[in-house]
Every structure is written in structure tokens, then in C-alpha cells.
Amino acid sequence: MNKSFLAQRYAKALCSLVPEDKLEDIREELRVLGRLVRESHDFYSMLNNETLKLGVRQRLLDVVLKKLEPPEVLFKFFHLLLRHGRMSLVKEIVEQYDHEADRRLGRMRGEFLAPIEVPKEDVQVLENRLKELLGADVILSQRQDKTLIGGFVVRIGDWLFDATIDAELLNAKDLISGVLDSGHNESSLVLSSRS
């Protein structure tokens, strides 16, 4: 079965167990636990080592979880993942939980790219306009892209809005090319622009 599909199923199941007002808290706790599992190579290896008895791996998980004191739902969830041999999906589950929690909260996350750092207030104005347009709260993470000449790009899922100078130049080139292809020659284009 596809890893992404399995991770999505587990993430949806976890979201369904969490009250809406706790989705954000669980998101943060899940990220912390997910990072711990992924970044501690020895811990990750032991949890996924099927030559160790399940009881031994469960006790190891218990020791770590009891020190971190996650909410009960995550304590049980990580034990479920361990019992079903799904600890290797933790990274994908965290990502899918983000998507599912955002969907349930009526949010969309995206990326704002610009050649310079844009003040947060300006990004918030854009988020508010996108909220009106898309009918959902929009949260943009900002990233500098110095390859852009000017303007900005917004990506939200499959949706892309390109307001860069690069895009404007390309549009102008296509427009001029279309005019020239339609039978007008360059001199008539110049003459018509002077009239």
C-alpha cells in the first residue's frame, strides 16, 4: 500500500480523535515527537527492529513518552503505530496531520516568495485578500528568492499567482509575438503606437 495513502489514513484517524480546539496543540506535540523519533537514529532503529520483541520496544517507547508527557491521545497513537509496524511513517503522518488539521480548521497554507524580505504587515494584507478570494484563512510562509527581479509569487497547493517582473516581461513578449504573428509588421506596430 502507498506510504502517502497510509500516512493520510493514520493522520485522519488521529484528527478525528482530537477536539477542534485542541488540533493546534496536538499538531505541536506531534511535531516534537515526530522529530524525536526521526532524528534519534538509535531510538528509531530500535523501534523498527522486529528482531526485538514487541514488549521490549513498547517499554522503550513508554520510557521516552513518559518523560515527554504527551497528551493521552498521542501516547496511545504512538503505541498503535508501534504495534502495527508503522513507526517508519511518522514523518509522513506529521505532514498529513498538518493538511488534515488545516482542512478541518478552514485554513490553507502557502508560500510567499519575493526577492527581498517583505514586512509582515504587508504579507498579512495579502493573506486577508486571499482569504476573501479563496474563502479560507490563508497562512503564508515567506521565503526570499533572489533570482526574482521584482514582484512576488504565491503558491498555495496547486494554485500559483505570479506577479513578478519576469512574468510581466514574458506576457509582454507573448503579446508582441501574437501581434506580429497576426500579420502586422514591426513598422505598423511602431506607427500605431505613436498615433
N, C-alpha and C. Protein backbone atom coordinates (compact mmCIF):
# COMPACT_ATOMS: atom_id res chain seq x y z
N MET A 1 0.84 -1.19 0.00
CA MET A 1 0.00 0.00 0.00
C MET A 1 0.88 1.25 0.00
N ASN A 2 0.48 2.29 -0.68
CA ASN A 2 1.21 3.55 -0.82
C ASN A 2 1.45 4.20 0.54
N LYS A 3 2.72 4.63 0.79
CA LYS A 3 3.08 5.25 2.06
C LYS A 3 2.25 6.50 2.35
N SER A 4 2.09 7.32 1.32
CA SER A 4 1.34 8.57 1.49
C SER A 4 -0.12 8.30 1.86
N PHE A 5 -0.70 7.30 1.19
CA PHE A 5 -2.10 6.94 1.47
C PHE A 5 -2.24 6.43 2.90
N LEU A 6 -1.31 5.56 3.32
CA LEU A 6 -1.36 5.03 4.69
C LEU A 6 -1.20 6.15 5.72
N ALA A 7 -0.23 7.04 5.47
CA ALA A 7 0.01 8.15 6.39
C ALA A 7 -1.23 9.03 6.50
N GLN A 8 -1.89 9.25 5.36
CA GLN A 8 -3.11 10.06 5.35
C GLN A 8 -4.20 9.42 6.20
N ARG A 9 -4.34 8.10 6.08
CA ARG A 9 -5.35 7.39 6.88
C ARG A 9 -5.09 7.53 8.37
N TYR A 10 -3.83 7.35 8.77
CA TYR A 10 -3.49 7.48 10.19
C TYR A 10 -3.69 8.92 10.67
N ALA A 11 -3.29 9.89 9.86
CA ALA A 11 -3.45 11.30 10.24
C ALA A 11 -4.92 11.66 10.39
N LYS A 12 -5.75 11.20 9.46
CA LYS A 12 -7.19 11.48 9.55
C LYS A 12 -7.79 10.83 10.79
N ALA A 13 -7.36 9.61 11.09
CA ALA A 13 -7.86 8.91 12.28
C ALA A 13 -7.48 9.70 13.54
N LEU A 14 -6.23 10.17 13.59
CA LEU A 14 -5.80 10.95 14.75
C LEU A 14 -6.61 12.24 14.86
N CYS A 15 -6.78 12.94 13.76
CA CYS A 15 -7.56 14.19 13.77
C CYS A 15 -8.99 13.96 14.25
N SER A 16 -9.56 12.84 13.88
CA SER A 16 -10.94 12.56 14.27
C SER A 16 -11.08 12.34 15.78
N LEU A 17 -9.97 12.01 16.44
CA LEU A 17 -10.00 11.78 17.90
C LEU A 17 -9.74 13.05 18.70
N VAL A 18 -9.36 14.12 18.00
CA VAL A 18 -8.96 15.36 18.68
C VAL A 18 -10.05 16.41 18.52
N PRO A 19 -10.50 17.02 19.63
CA PRO A 19 -11.48 18.11 19.52
C PRO A 19 -10.88 19.28 18.72
N GLU A 20 -11.72 19.99 18.00
CA GLU A 20 -11.24 21.07 17.13
C GLU A 20 -10.37 22.09 17.86
N ASP A 21 -10.74 22.42 19.10
CA ASP A 21 -9.97 23.43 19.83
C ASP A 21 -8.61 22.91 20.31
N LYS A 22 -8.34 21.62 20.12
CA LYS A 22 -7.06 21.04 20.53
C LYS A 22 -6.19 20.64 19.33
N LEU A 23 -6.69 20.83 18.11
CA LEU A 23 -5.94 20.42 16.92
C LEU A 23 -4.56 21.06 16.84
N GLU A 24 -4.47 22.35 17.19
CA GLU A 24 -3.18 23.06 17.14
C GLU A 24 -2.21 22.54 18.20
N ASP A 25 -2.72 22.31 19.41
CA ASP A 25 -1.85 21.79 20.48
C ASP A 25 -1.28 20.43 20.10
N ILE A 26 -2.14 19.57 19.57
CA ILE A 26 -1.70 18.23 19.18
C ILE A 26 -0.72 18.33 18.02
N ARG A 27 -0.94 19.30 17.11
CA ARG A 27 -0.01 19.48 15.98
C ARG A 27 1.41 19.72 16.50
N GLU A 28 1.53 20.61 17.49
CA GLU A 28 2.86 20.94 18.02
C GLU A 28 3.49 19.74 18.74
N GLU A 29 2.68 19.06 19.53
CA GLU A 29 3.18 17.87 20.25
C GLU A 29 3.60 16.78 19.28
N LEU A 30 2.81 16.59 18.23
CA LEU A 30 3.10 15.57 17.22
C LEU A 30 4.41 15.90 16.50
N ARG A 31 4.62 17.18 16.19
CA ARG A 31 5.87 17.59 15.53
C ARG A 31 7.07 17.28 16.41
N VAL A 32 6.96 17.58 17.71
CA VAL A 32 8.07 17.32 18.63
C VAL A 32 8.36 15.83 18.69
N LEU A 33 7.32 15.02 18.87
CA LEU A 33 7.53 13.57 18.94
C LEU A 33 8.05 13.02 17.62
N GLY A 34 7.51 13.53 16.52
CA GLY A 34 7.96 13.08 15.20
C GLY A 34 9.43 13.38 14.98
N ARG A 35 9.86 14.59 15.38
CA ARG A 35 11.28 14.97 15.25
C ARG A 35 12.15 14.05 16.09
N LEU A 36 11.71 13.78 17.32
CA LEU A 36 12.47 12.92 18.22
C LEU A 36 12.66 11.53 17.60
N VAL A 37 11.59 10.96 17.10
CA VAL A 37 11.66 9.62 16.52
C VAL A 37 12.58 9.60 15.29
N ARG A 38 12.45 10.61 14.44
CA ARG A 38 13.23 10.63 13.19
C ARG A 38 14.71 10.97 13.43
N GLU A 39 14.97 11.91 14.35
CA GLU A 39 16.33 12.42 14.49
C GLU A 39 17.20 11.62 15.44
N SER A 40 16.59 10.80 16.28
CA SER A 40 17.38 9.92 17.16
C SER A 40 17.51 8.58 16.46
N HIS A 41 18.63 8.43 15.76
CA HIS A 41 18.83 7.25 14.92
C HIS A 41 18.72 5.94 15.72
N ASP A 42 19.35 5.88 16.90
CA ASP A 42 19.32 4.65 17.71
C ASP A 42 17.90 4.33 18.16
N PHE A 43 17.20 5.35 18.63
CA PHE A 43 15.82 5.16 19.08
C PHE A 43 14.94 4.66 17.93
N TYR A 44 15.05 5.32 16.78
CA TYR A 44 14.29 4.94 15.59
C TYR A 44 14.60 3.50 15.18
N SER A 45 15.88 3.16 15.18
CA SER A 45 16.30 1.80 14.78
C SER A 45 15.72 0.74 15.71
N MET A 46 15.76 1.03 17.02
CA MET A 46 15.23 0.05 17.98
C MET A 46 13.72 -0.13 17.85
N LEU A 47 13.01 0.99 17.64
CA LEU A 47 11.55 0.89 17.49
C LEU A 47 11.16 0.09 16.25
N ASN A 48 11.99 0.15 15.22
CA ASN A 48 11.69 -0.54 13.96
C ASN A 48 12.38 -1.89 13.83
N ASN A 49 13.13 -2.29 14.86
CA ASN A 49 13.86 -3.56 14.83
C ASN A 49 12.95 -4.71 15.24
N GLU A 50 12.46 -5.44 14.26
CA GLU A 50 11.50 -6.51 14.54
C GLU A 50 12.14 -7.75 15.14
N THR A 51 13.48 -7.76 15.25
CA THR A 51 14.12 -8.89 15.95
C THR A 51 13.98 -8.71 17.46
N LEU A 52 13.72 -7.46 17.90
CA LEU A 52 13.41 -7.21 19.31
C LEU A 52 11.94 -7.51 19.53
N LYS A 53 11.62 -8.13 20.65
CA LYS A 53 10.22 -8.43 20.95
C LYS A 53 9.42 -7.14 21.06
N LEU A 54 8.15 -7.22 20.66
CA LEU A 54 7.28 -6.05 20.71
C LEU A 54 7.23 -5.47 22.13
N GLY A 55 7.16 -6.31 23.14
CA GLY A 55 7.11 -5.84 24.53
C GLY A 55 8.31 -4.99 24.90
N VAL A 56 9.48 -5.37 24.41
CA VAL A 56 10.71 -4.61 24.69
C VAL A 56 10.62 -3.24 24.03
N ARG A 57 10.18 -3.23 22.78
CA ARG A 57 10.06 -1.96 22.05
C ARG A 57 8.98 -1.07 22.69
N GLN A 58 7.90 -1.68 23.18
CA GLN A 58 6.85 -0.91 23.85
C GLN A 58 7.36 -0.27 25.14
N ARG A 59 8.16 -1.02 25.90
CA ARG A 59 8.72 -0.46 27.14
C ARG A 59 9.68 0.69 26.84
N LEU A 60 10.46 0.54 25.78
CA LEU A 60 11.38 1.61 25.36
C LEU A 60 10.58 2.87 24.99
N LEU A 61 9.52 2.69 24.22
CA LEU A 61 8.66 3.81 23.84
C LEU A 61 8.03 4.44 25.08
N ASP A 62 7.57 3.60 26.01
CA ASP A 62 6.97 4.09 27.26
C ASP A 62 7.93 5.00 28.04
N VAL A 63 9.19 4.57 28.15
CA VAL A 63 10.18 5.34 28.91
C VAL A 63 10.30 6.75 28.32
N VAL A 64 10.42 6.83 26.99
CA VAL A 64 10.59 8.12 26.32
C VAL A 64 9.33 8.96 26.43
N LEU A 65 8.17 8.35 26.16
CA LEU A 65 6.91 9.10 26.19
C LEU A 65 6.58 9.61 27.59
N LYS A 66 6.88 8.80 28.61
CA LYS A 66 6.58 9.23 29.98
C LYS A 66 7.42 10.44 30.39
N LYS A 67 8.65 10.53 29.84
CA LYS A 67 9.49 11.71 30.13
C LYS A 67 8.94 12.95 29.44
N LEU A 68 8.41 12.78 28.23
CA LEU A 68 7.91 13.92 27.46
C LEU A 68 6.48 14.32 27.86
N GLU A 69 5.75 13.40 28.46
CA GLU A 69 4.38 13.62 28.91
C GLU A 69 3.46 14.19 27.83
N PRO A 70 3.34 13.50 26.69
CA PRO A 70 2.41 13.98 25.66
C PRO A 70 0.97 13.74 26.09
N PRO A 71 0.02 14.38 25.42
CA PRO A 71 -1.39 14.09 25.72
C PRO A 71 -1.68 12.60 25.51
N GLU A 72 -2.66 12.11 26.24
CA GLU A 72 -3.01 10.68 26.21
C GLU A 72 -3.26 10.17 24.79
N VAL A 73 -3.91 11.00 23.96
CA VAL A 73 -4.23 10.57 22.60
C VAL A 73 -2.96 10.27 21.81
N LEU A 74 -1.90 11.05 22.02
CA LEU A 74 -0.64 10.80 21.31
C LEU A 74 0.11 9.62 21.91
N PHE A 75 0.01 9.46 23.21
CA PHE A 75 0.62 8.31 23.87
C PHE A 75 0.07 7.02 23.24
N LYS A 76 -1.25 6.95 23.15
CA LYS A 76 -1.91 5.76 22.58
C LYS A 76 -1.63 5.64 21.08
N PHE A 77 -1.60 6.79 20.40
CA PHE A 77 -1.38 6.79 18.95
C PHE A 77 0.00 6.22 18.61
N PHE A 78 1.03 6.64 19.34
CA PHE A 78 2.38 6.13 19.05
C PHE A 78 2.49 4.65 19.37
N HIS A 79 1.77 4.19 20.39
CA HIS A 79 1.76 2.75 20.67
C HIS A 79 1.04 1.98 19.55
N LEU A 80 0.00 2.56 19.02
CA LEU A 80 -0.72 1.96 17.89
C LEU A 80 0.22 1.83 16.68
N LEU A 81 0.96 2.91 16.39
CA LEU A 81 1.91 2.87 15.27
C LEU A 81 2.96 1.77 15.48
N LEU A 82 3.43 1.66 16.70
CA LEU A 82 4.44 0.64 17.01
C LEU A 82 3.88 -0.76 16.82
N ARG A 83 2.69 -1.02 17.36
CA ARG A 83 2.06 -2.35 17.25
C ARG A 83 1.83 -2.76 15.80
N HIS A 84 1.50 -1.77 14.95
CA HIS A 84 1.20 -2.08 13.55
C HIS A 84 2.40 -1.91 12.62
N GLY A 85 3.59 -1.70 13.21
CA GLY A 85 4.80 -1.58 12.41
C GLY A 85 4.81 -0.36 11.50
N ARG A 86 4.27 0.75 11.99
CA ARG A 86 4.14 1.96 11.16
C ARG A 86 5.00 3.13 11.66
N MET A 87 5.96 2.87 12.52
CA MET A 87 6.80 3.96 13.02
C MET A 87 7.60 4.61 11.89
N SER A 88 7.85 3.88 10.84
CA SER A 88 8.60 4.45 9.70
C SER A 88 7.79 5.51 8.96
N LEU A 89 6.50 5.61 9.26
CA LEU A 89 5.63 6.59 8.58
C LEU A 89 5.48 7.90 9.35
N VAL A 90 6.20 8.04 10.46
CA VAL A 90 5.97 9.20 11.34
C VAL A 90 6.12 10.53 10.59
N LYS A 91 7.16 10.68 9.80
CA LYS A 91 7.37 11.95 9.08
C LYS A 91 6.18 12.26 8.18
N GLU A 92 5.73 11.26 7.42
CA GLU A 92 4.60 11.45 6.50
C GLU A 92 3.31 11.71 7.27
N ILE A 93 3.14 11.05 8.42
CA ILE A 93 1.93 11.25 9.23
C ILE A 93 1.88 12.68 9.75
N VAL A 94 3.02 13.21 10.20
CA VAL A 94 3.08 14.60 10.68
C VAL A 94 2.66 15.55 9.56
N GLU A 95 3.18 15.34 8.36
CA GLU A 95 2.83 16.19 7.21
C GLU A 95 1.34 16.09 6.88
N GLN A 96 0.81 14.87 6.87
CA GLN A 96 -0.61 14.68 6.55
C GLN A 96 -1.51 15.24 7.65
N TYR A 97 -1.05 15.15 8.91
CA TYR A 97 -1.82 15.73 10.01
C TYR A 97 -1.95 17.24 9.80
N ASP A 98 -0.84 17.88 9.39
CA ASP A 98 -0.87 19.32 9.12
C ASP A 98 -1.97 19.66 8.12
N HIS A 99 -2.01 18.91 7.01
CA HIS A 99 -3.01 19.16 5.97
C HIS A 99 -4.43 18.93 6.49
N GLU A 100 -4.61 17.82 7.20
CA GLU A 100 -5.95 17.47 7.68
C GLU A 100 -6.42 18.46 8.75
N ALA A 101 -5.54 18.84 9.67
CA ALA A 101 -5.92 19.80 10.71
C ALA A 101 -6.27 21.14 10.08
N ASP A 102 -5.48 21.58 9.10
CA ASP A 102 -5.78 22.84 8.40
C ASP A 102 -7.13 22.76 7.71
N ARG A 103 -7.40 21.63 7.06
CA ARG A 103 -8.68 21.45 6.36
C ARG A 103 -9.84 21.56 7.35
N ARG A 104 -9.71 20.91 8.49
CA ARG A 104 -10.78 20.94 9.49
C ARG A 104 -10.96 22.33 10.10
N LEU A 105 -9.87 23.10 10.15
CA LEU A 105 -9.93 24.44 10.72
C LEU A 105 -10.23 25.50 9.66
N GLY A 106 -10.44 25.08 8.41
CA GLY A 106 -10.75 26.01 7.33
C GLY A 106 -9.57 26.89 6.96
N ARG A 107 -8.38 26.29 6.94
CA ARG A 107 -7.16 27.04 6.64
C ARG A 107 -6.46 26.49 5.41
N MET A 108 -5.71 27.38 4.76
CA MET A 108 -4.85 26.97 3.66
C MET A 108 -3.47 27.56 3.93
N ARG A 109 -2.44 26.75 3.73
CA ARG A 109 -1.07 27.24 3.92
C ARG A 109 -0.40 27.36 2.56
N GLY A 110 0.43 28.37 2.46
CA GLY A 110 1.13 28.58 1.20
C GLY A 110 2.46 29.25 1.42
N GLU A 111 3.09 29.57 0.30
CA GLU A 111 4.42 30.17 0.34
C GLU A 111 4.40 31.49 -0.42
N PHE A 112 5.05 32.47 0.16
CA PHE A 112 5.19 33.80 -0.45
C PHE A 112 6.66 34.00 -0.78
N LEU A 113 6.98 34.14 -2.06
CA LEU A 113 8.37 34.32 -2.49
C LEU A 113 8.56 35.72 -3.03
N ALA A 114 9.63 36.37 -2.61
CA ALA A 114 9.96 37.71 -3.09
C ALA A 114 11.48 37.85 -3.06
N PRO A 115 12.02 38.78 -3.86
CA PRO A 115 13.47 38.95 -3.88
C PRO A 115 14.04 39.60 -2.62
N ILE A 116 13.18 40.27 -1.84
CA ILE A 116 13.60 40.91 -0.59
C ILE A 116 12.66 40.48 0.53
N GLU A 117 13.07 40.74 1.76
CA GLU A 117 12.21 40.47 2.92
C GLU A 117 11.09 41.51 2.93
N VAL A 118 9.85 41.05 2.93
CA VAL A 118 8.69 41.95 2.91
C VAL A 118 8.15 42.07 4.33
N PRO A 119 7.79 43.28 4.77
CA PRO A 119 7.25 43.44 6.13
C PRO A 119 6.05 42.53 6.37
N LYS A 120 5.98 41.99 7.59
CA LYS A 120 4.91 41.05 7.94
C LYS A 120 3.52 41.66 7.75
N GLU A 121 3.41 42.97 8.00
CA GLU A 121 2.12 43.63 7.85
C GLU A 121 1.63 43.56 6.39
N ASP A 122 2.56 43.71 5.45
CA ASP A 122 2.20 43.62 4.03
C ASP A 122 1.77 42.21 3.64
N VAL A 123 2.47 41.22 4.21
CA VAL A 123 2.10 39.82 3.95
C VAL A 123 0.72 39.55 4.54
N GLN A 124 0.43 40.11 5.71
CA GLN A 124 -0.89 39.91 6.33
C GLN A 124 -2.00 40.53 5.49
N VAL A 125 -1.72 41.69 4.88
CA VAL A 125 -2.71 42.31 3.98
C VAL A 125 -3.01 41.35 2.83
N LEU A 126 -1.96 40.75 2.27
CA LEU A 126 -2.14 39.79 1.18
C LEU A 126 -2.91 38.56 1.66
N GLU A 127 -2.60 38.07 2.86
CA GLU A 127 -3.33 36.92 3.42
C GLU A 127 -4.82 37.23 3.55
N ASN A 128 -5.14 38.45 4.00
CA ASN A 128 -6.55 38.85 4.14
C ASN A 128 -7.26 38.91 2.80
N ARG A 129 -6.57 39.44 1.78
CA ARG A 129 -7.18 39.49 0.44
C ARG A 129 -7.40 38.10 -0.12
N LEU A 130 -6.43 37.21 0.12
CA LEU A 130 -6.57 35.83 -0.36
C LEU A 130 -7.69 35.11 0.38
N LYS A 131 -7.88 35.46 1.65
CA LYS A 131 -8.98 34.86 2.42
C LYS A 131 -10.31 35.21 1.77
N GLU A 132 -10.47 36.47 1.36
CA GLU A 132 -11.70 36.90 0.68
C GLU A 132 -11.88 36.15 -0.64
N LEU A 133 -10.78 35.98 -1.36
CA LEU A 133 -10.82 35.33 -2.67
C LEU A 133 -11.08 33.83 -2.57
N LEU A 134 -10.39 33.17 -1.62
CA LEU A 134 -10.45 31.70 -1.53
C LEU A 134 -11.46 31.18 -0.52
N GLY A 135 -11.98 32.05 0.34
CA GLY A 135 -12.98 31.62 1.31
C GLY A 135 -12.42 30.77 2.44
N ALA A 136 -11.13 30.93 2.74
CA ALA A 136 -10.49 30.18 3.83
C ALA A 136 -9.37 31.04 4.40
N ASP A 137 -9.06 30.83 5.68
CA ASP A 137 -7.92 31.52 6.27
C ASP A 137 -6.66 31.09 5.52
N VAL A 138 -5.82 32.04 5.20
CA VAL A 138 -4.59 31.74 4.47
C VAL A 138 -3.40 32.11 5.34
N ILE A 139 -2.46 31.19 5.47
CA ILE A 139 -1.23 31.42 6.23
C ILE A 139 -0.07 31.24 5.25
N LEU A 140 0.68 32.33 5.04
CA LEU A 140 1.79 32.30 4.10
C LEU A 140 3.12 32.30 4.85
N SER A 141 3.99 31.38 4.46
CA SER A 141 5.36 31.43 4.98
C SER A 141 6.19 32.16 3.94
N GLN A 142 7.00 33.08 4.41
CA GLN A 142 7.76 33.93 3.50
C GLN A 142 9.15 33.34 3.25
N ARG A 143 9.58 33.40 1.98
CA ARG A 143 10.92 32.93 1.63
C ARG A 143 11.50 33.89 0.60
N GLN A 144 12.77 34.25 0.81
CA GLN A 144 13.44 35.12 -0.15
C GLN A 144 13.93 34.29 -1.33
N ASP A 145 13.72 34.82 -2.54
CA ASP A 145 14.22 34.20 -3.76
C ASP A 145 14.90 35.30 -4.56
N LYS A 146 16.22 35.36 -4.42
CA LYS A 146 16.97 36.45 -5.04
C LYS A 146 17.09 36.31 -6.55
N THR A 147 16.61 35.19 -7.11
CA THR A 147 16.62 35.04 -8.56
C THR A 147 15.49 35.84 -9.21
N LEU A 148 14.50 36.26 -8.41
CA LEU A 148 13.42 37.09 -8.94
C LEU A 148 13.90 38.52 -9.12
N ILE A 149 13.51 39.14 -10.22
CA ILE A 149 13.91 40.53 -10.48
C ILE A 149 13.10 41.48 -9.59
N GLY A 150 11.84 41.23 -9.44
CA GLY A 150 10.97 42.07 -8.63
C GLY A 150 9.59 41.44 -8.59
N GLY A 151 8.72 41.98 -7.75
CA GLY A 151 7.38 41.41 -7.61
C GLY A 151 7.38 40.26 -6.62
N PHE A 152 6.41 39.36 -6.76
CA PHE A 152 6.32 38.23 -5.83
C PHE A 152 5.55 37.07 -6.47
N VAL A 153 5.67 35.90 -5.83
CA VAL A 153 4.95 34.69 -6.23
C VAL A 153 4.27 34.13 -4.99
N VAL A 154 3.01 33.68 -5.15
CA VAL A 154 2.31 33.00 -4.06
C VAL A 154 1.93 31.61 -4.56
N ARG A 155 2.28 30.60 -3.76
CA ARG A 155 1.91 29.22 -4.07
C ARG A 155 1.07 28.69 -2.92
N ILE A 156 -0.13 28.18 -3.25
CA ILE A 156 -0.99 27.53 -2.26
C ILE A 156 -1.48 26.25 -2.91
N GLY A 157 -0.94 25.12 -2.47
CA GLY A 157 -1.30 23.85 -3.09
C GLY A 157 -0.94 23.88 -4.57
N ASP A 158 -1.92 23.60 -5.43
CA ASP A 158 -1.70 23.61 -6.88
C ASP A 158 -1.90 24.99 -7.48
N TRP A 159 -2.34 25.96 -6.67
CA TRP A 159 -2.65 27.30 -7.15
C TRP A 159 -1.39 28.15 -7.13
N LEU A 160 -1.12 28.89 -8.21
CA LEU A 160 0.05 29.74 -8.32
C LEU A 160 -0.35 31.10 -8.83
N PHE A 161 0.08 32.15 -8.13
CA PHE A 161 -0.12 33.52 -8.58
C PHE A 161 1.25 34.14 -8.75
N ASP A 162 1.59 34.49 -9.99
CA ASP A 162 2.90 35.02 -10.32
C ASP A 162 2.78 36.49 -10.68
N ALA A 163 3.21 37.36 -9.77
CA ALA A 163 3.17 38.81 -10.00
C ALA A 163 4.60 39.35 -10.04
N THR A 164 5.47 38.60 -10.73
CA THR A 164 6.86 39.03 -10.82
C THR A 164 7.08 39.83 -12.09
N ILE A 165 8.15 40.59 -12.11
CA ILE A 165 8.53 41.32 -13.32
C ILE A 165 8.85 40.32 -14.43
N ASP A 166 9.44 39.19 -14.06
CA ASP A 166 9.74 38.13 -15.04
C ASP A 166 8.46 37.72 -15.78
N ALA A 167 7.38 37.52 -15.03
CA ALA A 167 6.10 37.10 -15.64
C ALA A 167 5.54 38.20 -16.52
N GLU A 168 5.64 39.46 -16.08
CA GLU A 168 5.15 40.58 -16.88
C GLU A 168 5.92 40.69 -18.20
N LEU A 169 7.25 40.52 -18.14
CA LEU A 169 8.06 40.57 -19.36
C LEU A 169 7.68 39.44 -20.31
N LEU A 170 7.44 38.27 -19.76
CA LEU A 170 7.03 37.13 -20.58
C LEU A 170 5.68 37.38 -21.23
N ASN A 171 4.74 37.96 -20.47
CA ASN A 171 3.42 38.30 -21.02
C ASN A 171 3.55 39.33 -22.14
N ALA A 172 4.41 40.34 -21.93
CA ALA A 172 4.62 41.36 -22.96
C ALA A 172 5.22 40.73 -24.21
N LYS A 173 6.17 39.84 -24.03
CA LYS A 173 6.79 39.16 -25.17
C LYS A 173 5.75 38.35 -25.94
N ASP A 174 4.89 37.61 -25.21
CA ASP A 174 3.83 36.82 -25.86
C ASP A 174 2.86 37.72 -26.61
N LEU A 175 2.52 38.87 -26.02
CA LEU A 175 1.60 39.81 -26.65
C LEU A 175 2.19 40.34 -27.95
N ILE A 176 3.45 40.79 -27.90
CA ILE A 176 4.11 41.31 -29.10
C ILE A 176 4.23 40.21 -30.15
N SER A 177 4.59 39.03 -29.72
CA SER A 177 4.73 37.90 -30.65
C SER A 177 3.39 37.59 -31.31
N GLY A 178 2.31 37.65 -30.53
CA GLY A 178 0.96 37.39 -31.08
C GLY A 178 0.55 38.44 -32.09
N VAL A 179 0.89 39.70 -31.82
CA VAL A 179 0.57 40.78 -32.77
C VAL A 179 1.35 40.59 -34.06
N LEU A 180 2.64 40.28 -33.93
CA LEU A 180 3.47 40.08 -35.12
C LEU A 180 3.01 38.86 -35.92
N ASP A 181 2.61 37.80 -35.23
CA ASP A 181 2.14 36.58 -35.91
C ASP A 181 0.82 36.80 -36.61
N SER A 182 0.04 37.81 -36.19
CA SER A 182 -1.28 38.03 -36.79
C SER A 182 -1.20 38.81 -38.10
N GLY A 183 0.02 39.07 -38.61
CA GLY A 183 0.15 39.72 -39.91
C GLY A 183 0.60 41.15 -39.84
N HIS A 184 0.69 41.73 -38.66
CA HIS A 184 1.20 43.10 -38.55
C HIS A 184 2.71 43.04 -38.61
N ASN A 185 3.31 43.98 -39.29
CA ASN A 185 4.77 44.00 -39.27
C ASN A 185 5.22 44.99 -38.20
N GLU A 186 6.53 44.98 -37.93
CA GLU A 186 7.06 45.79 -36.84
C GLU A 186 6.85 47.28 -37.06
N SER A 187 6.95 47.74 -38.32
CA SER A 187 6.80 49.19 -38.58
C SER A 187 5.38 49.64 -38.32
N SER A 188 4.38 48.82 -38.66
CA SER A 188 2.99 49.24 -38.40
C SER A 188 2.70 49.25 -36.91
N LEU A 189 3.38 48.33 -36.15
CA LEU A 189 3.22 48.31 -34.70
C LEU A 189 3.77 49.60 -34.08
N VAL A 190 4.93 50.04 -34.59
CA VAL A 190 5.52 51.27 -34.10
C VAL A 190 4.66 52.47 -34.45
N LEU A 191 4.16 52.49 -35.71
CA LEU A 191 3.32 53.60 -36.16
C LEU A 191 2.03 53.69 -35.35
N SER A 192 1.40 52.52 -35.11
CA SER A 192 0.14 52.55 -34.38
C SER A 192 0.35 52.99 -32.94
N SER A 193 1.52 52.69 -32.39
CA SER A 193 1.75 53.09 -31.01
C SER A 193 2.01 54.58 -30.89
N ARG A 194 2.44 55.22 -32.01
CA ARG A 194 2.67 56.68 -31.99
C ARG A 194 1.40 57.47 -32.23
N SER A 195 0.40 56.85 -32.83
CA SER A 195 -0.81 57.61 -33.16
C SER A 195 -1.66 57.88 -31.95
